[in-house]
Protein backbone atom coordinates (compact mmCIF):
# COMPACT_ATOMS: atom_id res chain seq x y z
CA MET A 1 -14.20 14.89 -23.52
CA LEU A 2 -10.98 12.82 -23.62
CA ASN A 3 -10.17 11.04 -20.39
CA THR A 4 -6.53 11.84 -19.45
CA ASP A 5 -6.51 9.56 -16.36
CA VAL A 6 -3.99 6.73 -16.44
CA VAL A 7 -6.32 4.43 -14.53
CA HIS A 8 -10.01 4.61 -14.78
CA ILE A 9 -12.42 2.28 -12.90
CA THR A 10 -16.19 2.27 -12.88
CA ASP A 11 -18.25 0.05 -10.71
CA LEU A 12 -15.67 -2.77 -10.76
CA ARG A 13 -16.77 -6.10 -9.16
CA LYS A 14 -15.24 -9.51 -8.67
CA VAL A 15 -17.41 -12.21 -7.13
CA TYR A 16 -16.22 -15.70 -6.36
CA VAL A 17 -18.70 -18.59 -6.24
CA VAL A 18 -17.70 -21.17 -3.65
CA SER A 19 -19.25 -24.47 -2.46
CA ARG A 20 -20.80 -24.43 0.99
CA GLN A 21 -21.25 -27.49 3.18
CA GLU A 22 -22.43 -27.90 6.73
CA ALA A 23 -20.49 -30.13 9.12
CA GLY A 24 -21.49 -33.73 9.69
CA ALA A 25 -21.92 -36.97 7.72
CA LYS A 26 -25.54 -36.20 6.69
CA ALA A 27 -24.53 -32.83 5.16
CA ALA A 28 -21.68 -34.57 3.38
CA LEU A 29 -24.06 -37.14 1.82
CA GLN A 30 -26.52 -34.41 0.78
CA SER A 31 -23.72 -32.47 -0.91
CA LEU A 32 -23.11 -35.40 -3.24
CA VAL A 33 -26.67 -34.75 -4.69
CA HIS A 34 -27.12 -31.13 -4.10
CA ARG A 35 -24.18 -28.80 -3.59
CA SER A 36 -24.97 -25.45 -2.10
CA LYS A 37 -23.26 -22.43 -3.63
CA GLN A 38 -22.39 -19.11 -2.09
CA GLU A 39 -21.26 -15.85 -3.74
CA ILE A 40 -18.34 -14.08 -2.06
CA PRO A 41 -17.87 -10.49 -3.33
CA ALA A 42 -14.08 -9.76 -3.14
CA VAL A 43 -14.44 -6.45 -4.86
CA ASP A 44 -17.90 -4.85 -4.66
CA GLY A 45 -18.44 -2.01 -7.14
CA ILE A 46 -15.51 0.32 -6.65
CA SER A 47 -14.78 3.39 -8.77
CA PHE A 48 -11.72 5.61 -8.92
CA ASP A 49 -9.28 7.34 -11.27
CA LEU A 50 -5.49 7.83 -11.05
CA ALA A 51 -3.87 10.78 -12.70
CA PRO A 52 -0.45 10.65 -14.49
CA GLY A 53 2.42 10.69 -12.03
CA GLU A 54 0.40 10.08 -8.84
CA ILE A 55 1.56 7.80 -6.05
CA VAL A 56 -1.64 6.59 -4.36
CA GLY A 57 -1.90 4.42 -1.25
CA PHE A 58 -4.45 1.58 -1.41
CA LEU A 59 -5.28 0.56 2.16
CA GLY A 60 -7.43 -2.09 3.71
CA PRO A 61 -7.30 -5.01 6.13
CA ASN A 62 -6.45 -8.52 4.88
CA GLY A 63 -9.22 -9.84 2.62
CA ALA A 64 -10.48 -6.36 1.84
CA GLY A 65 -9.97 -6.74 -1.90
CA LYS A 66 -6.72 -4.86 -2.52
CA THR A 67 -4.74 -7.67 -4.25
CA THR A 68 -7.75 -8.76 -6.22
CA THR A 69 -8.14 -5.19 -7.53
CA LEU A 70 -4.42 -4.99 -8.48
CA LYS A 71 -4.70 -8.34 -10.27
CA MET A 72 -7.63 -7.14 -12.31
CA LEU A 73 -5.80 -3.87 -13.20
CA ALA A 74 -2.76 -5.88 -14.23
CA GLY A 75 -4.90 -8.21 -16.40
CA LEU A 76 -4.42 -11.29 -14.32
CA LEU A 77 -8.07 -11.62 -13.39
CA TYR A 78 -11.37 -11.02 -15.25
CA PRO A 79 -13.89 -8.94 -13.37
CA THR A 80 -17.47 -10.15 -12.76
CA SER A 81 -18.73 -6.79 -13.97
CA GLY A 82 -17.80 -3.13 -14.30
CA GLU A 83 -15.27 -1.33 -16.40
CA ALA A 84 -11.59 -0.55 -16.13
CA THR A 85 -8.94 1.00 -18.38
CA VAL A 86 -5.17 1.40 -17.74
CA LEU A 87 -3.40 3.72 -20.17
CA GLY A 88 -6.50 3.41 -22.37
CA TYR A 89 -6.30 -0.41 -22.53
CA VAL A 90 -8.77 -2.93 -21.15
CA PRO A 91 -6.34 -4.87 -18.78
CA TRP A 92 -7.76 -8.35 -19.10
CA LYS A 93 -7.44 -8.30 -22.90
CA ARG A 94 -3.63 -8.39 -22.20
CA LYS A 95 -2.56 -6.58 -25.36
CA LYS A 96 1.25 -6.57 -25.84
CA ASP A 97 1.43 -2.81 -25.90
CA PHE A 98 -0.35 -2.71 -22.60
CA LEU A 99 1.90 -5.30 -20.94
CA LYS A 100 5.04 -3.43 -22.07
CA GLN A 101 3.90 -0.38 -20.04
CA ILE A 102 2.83 -1.79 -16.69
CA THR A 103 4.28 -4.00 -13.96
CA LEU A 104 2.94 -5.68 -10.80
CA VAL A 105 5.35 -6.39 -7.89
CA MET A 106 4.02 -8.56 -5.11
CA GLY A 107 6.01 -8.87 -1.84
CA GLN A 108 7.58 -12.26 -1.35
CA ARG A 109 6.34 -13.58 -4.75
CA ASN A 110 9.38 -14.67 -6.89
CA GLN A 111 9.86 -13.83 -10.47
CA LEU A 112 13.61 -14.34 -10.35
CA VAL A 113 14.96 -17.82 -11.17
CA TRP A 114 16.04 -19.33 -7.91
CA ASP A 115 19.31 -21.06 -8.98
CA ILE A 116 20.88 -18.55 -11.26
CA PRO A 117 22.31 -15.02 -10.59
CA ALA A 118 19.85 -12.10 -10.64
CA LEU A 119 21.61 -10.62 -13.66
CA ASN A 120 20.71 -13.75 -15.71
CA SER A 121 17.08 -13.25 -14.81
CA PHE A 122 17.36 -9.59 -15.88
CA GLU A 123 18.63 -10.78 -19.19
CA LEU A 124 15.67 -13.16 -19.53
CA ASN A 125 13.32 -10.25 -18.94
CA ARG A 126 15.15 -8.26 -21.62
CA VAL A 127 14.32 -10.95 -24.10
CA ILE A 128 10.71 -11.32 -22.93
CA TYR A 129 10.07 -7.55 -23.20
CA ARG A 130 12.25 -7.17 -26.22
CA ILE A 131 14.19 -4.29 -24.69
CA PRO A 132 16.82 -2.89 -27.06
CA LEU A 133 20.31 -3.81 -25.74
CA GLU A 134 21.42 -0.25 -25.37
CA ASP A 135 18.26 0.72 -23.43
CA TYR A 136 18.63 -2.46 -21.26
CA ARG A 137 22.25 -1.64 -20.32
CA ARG A 138 21.31 1.94 -19.42
CA MET A 139 18.42 0.88 -17.26
CA VAL A 140 20.42 -1.83 -15.49
CA LYS A 141 23.07 0.78 -14.74
CA GLU A 142 20.51 3.16 -13.31
CA LEU A 143 18.70 0.63 -11.22
CA THR A 144 22.02 -0.77 -9.94
CA GLU A 145 23.04 2.67 -8.72
CA LEU A 146 19.63 3.57 -7.27
CA LEU A 147 19.17 0.22 -5.41
CA GLU A 148 22.87 -0.46 -4.70
CA LEU A 149 22.77 -3.79 -6.46
CA GLU A 150 26.37 -4.16 -7.60
CA PRO A 151 27.39 -6.76 -4.94
CA LEU A 152 24.22 -8.84 -5.54
CA LEU A 153 23.95 -9.20 -9.32
CA HIS A 154 26.27 -12.18 -9.75
CA LYS A 155 25.06 -14.19 -6.75
CA PRO A 156 22.53 -17.00 -7.11
CA VAL A 157 19.08 -15.69 -5.97
CA ARG A 158 18.87 -18.44 -3.33
CA ASN A 159 21.89 -16.96 -1.61
CA LEU A 160 20.34 -13.49 -1.21
CA SER A 161 18.63 -12.25 1.92
CA LEU A 162 14.97 -11.31 1.79
CA GLY A 163 15.80 -7.62 1.53
CA GLU A 164 18.43 -8.20 -1.16
CA ARG A 165 16.07 -10.36 -3.17
CA MET A 166 13.30 -7.82 -2.91
CA LYS A 167 15.57 -5.06 -4.34
CA CYS A 168 16.44 -7.43 -7.24
CA GLU A 169 12.80 -8.31 -7.73
CA ILE A 170 11.89 -4.63 -8.04
CA ALA A 171 14.69 -3.94 -10.42
CA ALA A 172 13.68 -6.88 -12.62
CA ALA A 173 10.10 -5.61 -12.71
CA LEU A 174 11.19 -2.15 -13.84
CA LEU A 175 13.70 -2.97 -16.45
CA HIS A 176 11.22 -2.23 -19.28
CA ARG A 177 10.62 1.21 -17.57
CA PRO A 178 6.82 0.82 -17.02
CA ASN A 179 4.60 3.86 -16.91
CA VAL A 180 2.24 2.29 -14.36
CA VAL A 181 3.58 0.42 -11.33
CA PHE A 182 1.32 -1.73 -9.10
CA LEU A 183 3.03 -2.49 -5.76
CA ASP A 184 1.47 -5.05 -3.48
CA GLU A 185 3.29 -4.98 -0.08
CA PRO A 186 6.76 -4.35 -1.54
CA THR A 187 8.31 -3.93 1.88
CA LEU A 188 6.61 -6.93 3.54
CA GLY A 189 8.95 -8.71 5.95
CA LEU A 190 11.84 -6.26 5.47
CA ASP A 191 13.73 -4.57 8.24
CA VAL A 192 13.32 -0.89 8.90
CA THR A 193 16.53 0.14 7.07
CA MET A 194 15.59 -1.82 3.92
CA GLN A 195 11.99 -0.51 4.03
CA ARG A 196 13.42 3.07 4.03
CA ARG A 197 15.61 2.24 0.99
CA ILE A 198 12.76 0.73 -0.98
CA ARG A 199 10.61 3.78 -0.27
CA SER A 200 13.32 6.16 -1.38
CA PHE A 201 13.74 4.18 -4.54
CA ILE A 202 10.00 4.30 -5.35
CA ALA A 203 9.96 7.98 -4.87
CA GLU A 204 13.02 8.48 -7.07
CA TYR A 205 11.64 6.22 -9.84
CA ASN A 206 8.44 8.25 -9.80
CA ARG A 207 10.42 11.49 -9.96
CA ARG A 208 12.66 10.41 -12.79
CA PHE A 209 10.16 8.74 -15.04
CA GLY A 210 6.80 10.23 -14.03
CA ALA A 211 5.35 6.80 -13.38
CA THR A 212 1.92 6.35 -11.79
CA VAL A 213 2.12 4.17 -8.74
CA LEU A 214 -0.63 2.33 -6.83
CA LEU A 215 0.74 0.99 -3.58
CA THR A 216 -0.67 -1.34 -0.98
CA SER A 217 1.04 -1.68 2.36
CA HIS A 218 0.37 -2.56 5.99
CA TYR A 219 3.30 -0.34 6.96
CA MET A 220 1.97 3.20 7.54
CA ALA A 221 5.44 4.61 7.23
CA ASP A 222 5.38 3.59 3.52
CA VAL A 223 2.10 5.38 3.03
CA GLU A 224 3.11 8.53 4.96
CA ALA A 225 6.42 8.82 3.08
CA LEU A 226 5.06 8.29 -0.41
CA CYS A 227 1.34 9.05 -0.70
CA LYS A 228 -0.58 12.28 -0.36
CA ARG A 229 -3.77 10.53 -1.51
CA VAL A 230 -5.15 7.30 -0.18
CA LEU A 231 -7.96 4.89 -1.14
CA VAL A 232 -9.50 2.80 1.64
CA ILE A 233 -11.24 -0.39 0.87
CA HIS A 234 -13.11 -2.59 3.32
CA HIS A 235 -15.21 -5.71 2.61
CA GLY A 236 -14.71 -4.98 -1.11
CA LYS A 237 -16.19 -1.55 -0.96
CA LEU A 238 -14.30 1.77 -1.40
CA ILE A 239 -15.04 3.76 1.83
CA PHE A 240 -12.61 6.67 1.41
CA ASP A 241 -10.84 8.44 -1.52
CA GLY A 242 -8.99 11.60 -0.70
CA GLN A 243 -6.00 13.27 0.95
CA LEU A 244 -4.34 11.34 3.71
CA ALA A 245 -4.37 14.46 5.90
CA LYS A 246 -8.12 14.81 5.39
CA LEU A 247 -8.63 11.13 6.48
CA VAL A 248 -6.91 11.88 9.72
CA GLN A 249 -8.78 15.15 10.19
CA LYS A 250 -12.11 13.56 9.42
CA PHE A 251 -11.89 10.37 11.36
CA SER A 252 -9.81 11.12 14.44
CA ASP A 253 -11.83 12.55 17.27
CA TYR A 254 -8.92 13.27 19.60
CA LYS A 255 -5.59 14.98 19.63
CA THR A 256 -2.26 14.18 21.39
CA ILE A 257 -0.69 16.84 23.63
CA VAL A 258 2.95 16.23 24.62
CA VAL A 259 3.80 18.51 27.59
CA GLN A 260 7.07 18.85 29.46
CA ILE A 261 6.97 20.23 33.01
CA GLY A 262 10.02 18.75 34.67
CA ASP A 263 8.34 15.92 36.56
CA CYS A 264 5.40 13.62 36.02
CA GLN A 265 2.44 14.69 38.14
CA ALA A 266 -0.64 12.75 38.95
CA SER A 267 -2.66 15.98 38.64
CA LEU A 268 -2.23 15.83 34.86
CA ALA A 269 -4.89 13.14 34.76
CA SER A 270 -7.47 15.95 35.21
CA TYR A 271 -6.40 17.36 31.79
CA GLY A 272 -6.78 14.21 29.68
CA GLU A 273 -6.00 10.53 29.40
CA ILE A 274 -2.29 9.90 30.24
CA MET A 275 -0.78 7.73 27.52
CA SER A 276 2.84 7.88 28.75
CA CYS A 277 5.16 9.74 31.12
CA GLU A 278 8.85 9.59 30.64
CA GLY A 279 11.79 11.92 31.26
CA GLY A 280 9.50 14.72 32.41
CA ARG A 281 7.41 14.51 29.22
CA THR A 282 3.79 13.51 29.55
CA THR A 283 1.66 12.50 26.57
CA LEU A 284 -2.05 13.14 26.93
CA ARG A 285 -5.00 12.17 24.75
CA VAL A 286 -7.76 14.72 24.68
CA PRO A 287 -11.02 15.17 22.75
CA LYS A 288 -10.40 17.18 19.53
CA GLU A 289 -13.00 19.88 20.37
CA GLN A 290 -11.44 20.46 23.77
CA THR A 291 -7.81 20.74 22.58
CA ALA A 292 -7.64 24.54 22.65
CA ARG A 293 -9.20 24.81 26.09
CA ILE A 294 -7.06 22.12 27.66
CA THR A 295 -3.91 23.61 26.09
CA GLY A 296 -4.85 26.94 27.59
CA ARG A 297 -5.39 25.39 31.07
CA LEU A 298 -2.01 23.61 30.94
CA LEU A 299 -0.20 26.83 30.05
CA ALA A 300 -2.08 28.75 32.78
CA ASP A 301 -1.83 26.21 35.54
CA LEU A 302 1.62 24.68 35.15
CA PRO A 303 5.22 25.77 34.68
CA VAL A 304 5.33 24.35 31.09
CA ILE A 305 8.75 24.00 29.52
CA ASP A 306 7.55 22.68 26.16
CA LEU A 307 4.20 21.72 24.58
CA LEU A 308 3.31 20.05 21.37
CA VAL A 309 -0.16 19.31 19.87
CA GLU A 310 -0.30 16.43 17.29
CA ASP A 311 -2.73 14.43 15.38
CA PRO A 312 -2.94 10.71 16.38
CA PRO A 313 -0.64 8.34 14.52
CA ILE A 314 -1.99 7.48 11.13
CA LYS A 315 -1.83 3.78 11.96
CA GLU A 316 -4.31 4.34 14.77
CA VAL A 317 -6.67 6.31 12.54
CA ILE A 318 -6.65 3.57 9.79
CA GLU A 319 -7.24 0.86 12.39
CA ARG A 320 -10.34 2.82 13.55
CA VAL A 321 -11.54 3.13 10.00
CA PHE A 322 -11.28 -0.58 9.50
CA ALA A 323 -13.02 -1.30 12.83
CA GLN A 324 -15.97 0.94 11.94
CA GLY A 325 -16.04 -0.28 8.26
CA ASN A 326 -17.54 2.94 6.79
CA LEU A 327 -17.18 6.70 6.91
């Protein structure tokens, strides 16, 4: 049966071999004769597929293996073992037809030439990717409108703010209209307003061109806004692959109840753990299995003005996943 997935990974591994040396002069002398080696698995046998047009979040703590995986999928690293195809190509063979259809954007990693205007770097990319002039002009126009680049294009890159430069970096990476976009922390270090603009652009690019997007981010707002599905990697192993809502449902063992009764009352401590109390609104954390019972007690016992039951913030759920390390 023909595989229609855009990205297909089976048991992909990347192991680094590093020298290991104990502290002290004796160990230093011994290392001259016999150097100890240690294998460090950066990616440890992960498997997943991405369908056409999906935007998937790729989550994990620092050092989990996210960037290493993206670099293998973009053809920048050879794996130690396993298989991977992107658009039917083996990435590390770096065929021209493959490179024309993918892009990798890494937050705070420059591809624009520092001392010339961003538009000149765009022109350089046009030549590298052999983009027909008419297609190039059309794409520059679209990207300029979507990312509001007009005031920035003729400034030297060194004179742009981080947020302005990141918008130009993303535009430069998408000039050849790739079908697969790997985004590694694209909103890293940006202010909240600029993060929102970048997220809106990614969603619009996906909608217009049907591109498949694999996104890593430490900002949960990026993931919540863009991704229905998430992959969670920890210590190089894939520990979750599924709907973001199911991750919250599966891994959170408490709910949040926000209740408004006019005044903060110490007696609310008997209903659950008080997280905050401000302006007559008290936020309680309660065990998930007791939510219905505690809600009923609050409504029966108190003059409730308003009551809201919520799942815990996704950021907290993800942090707990990382802390436990497996599901």
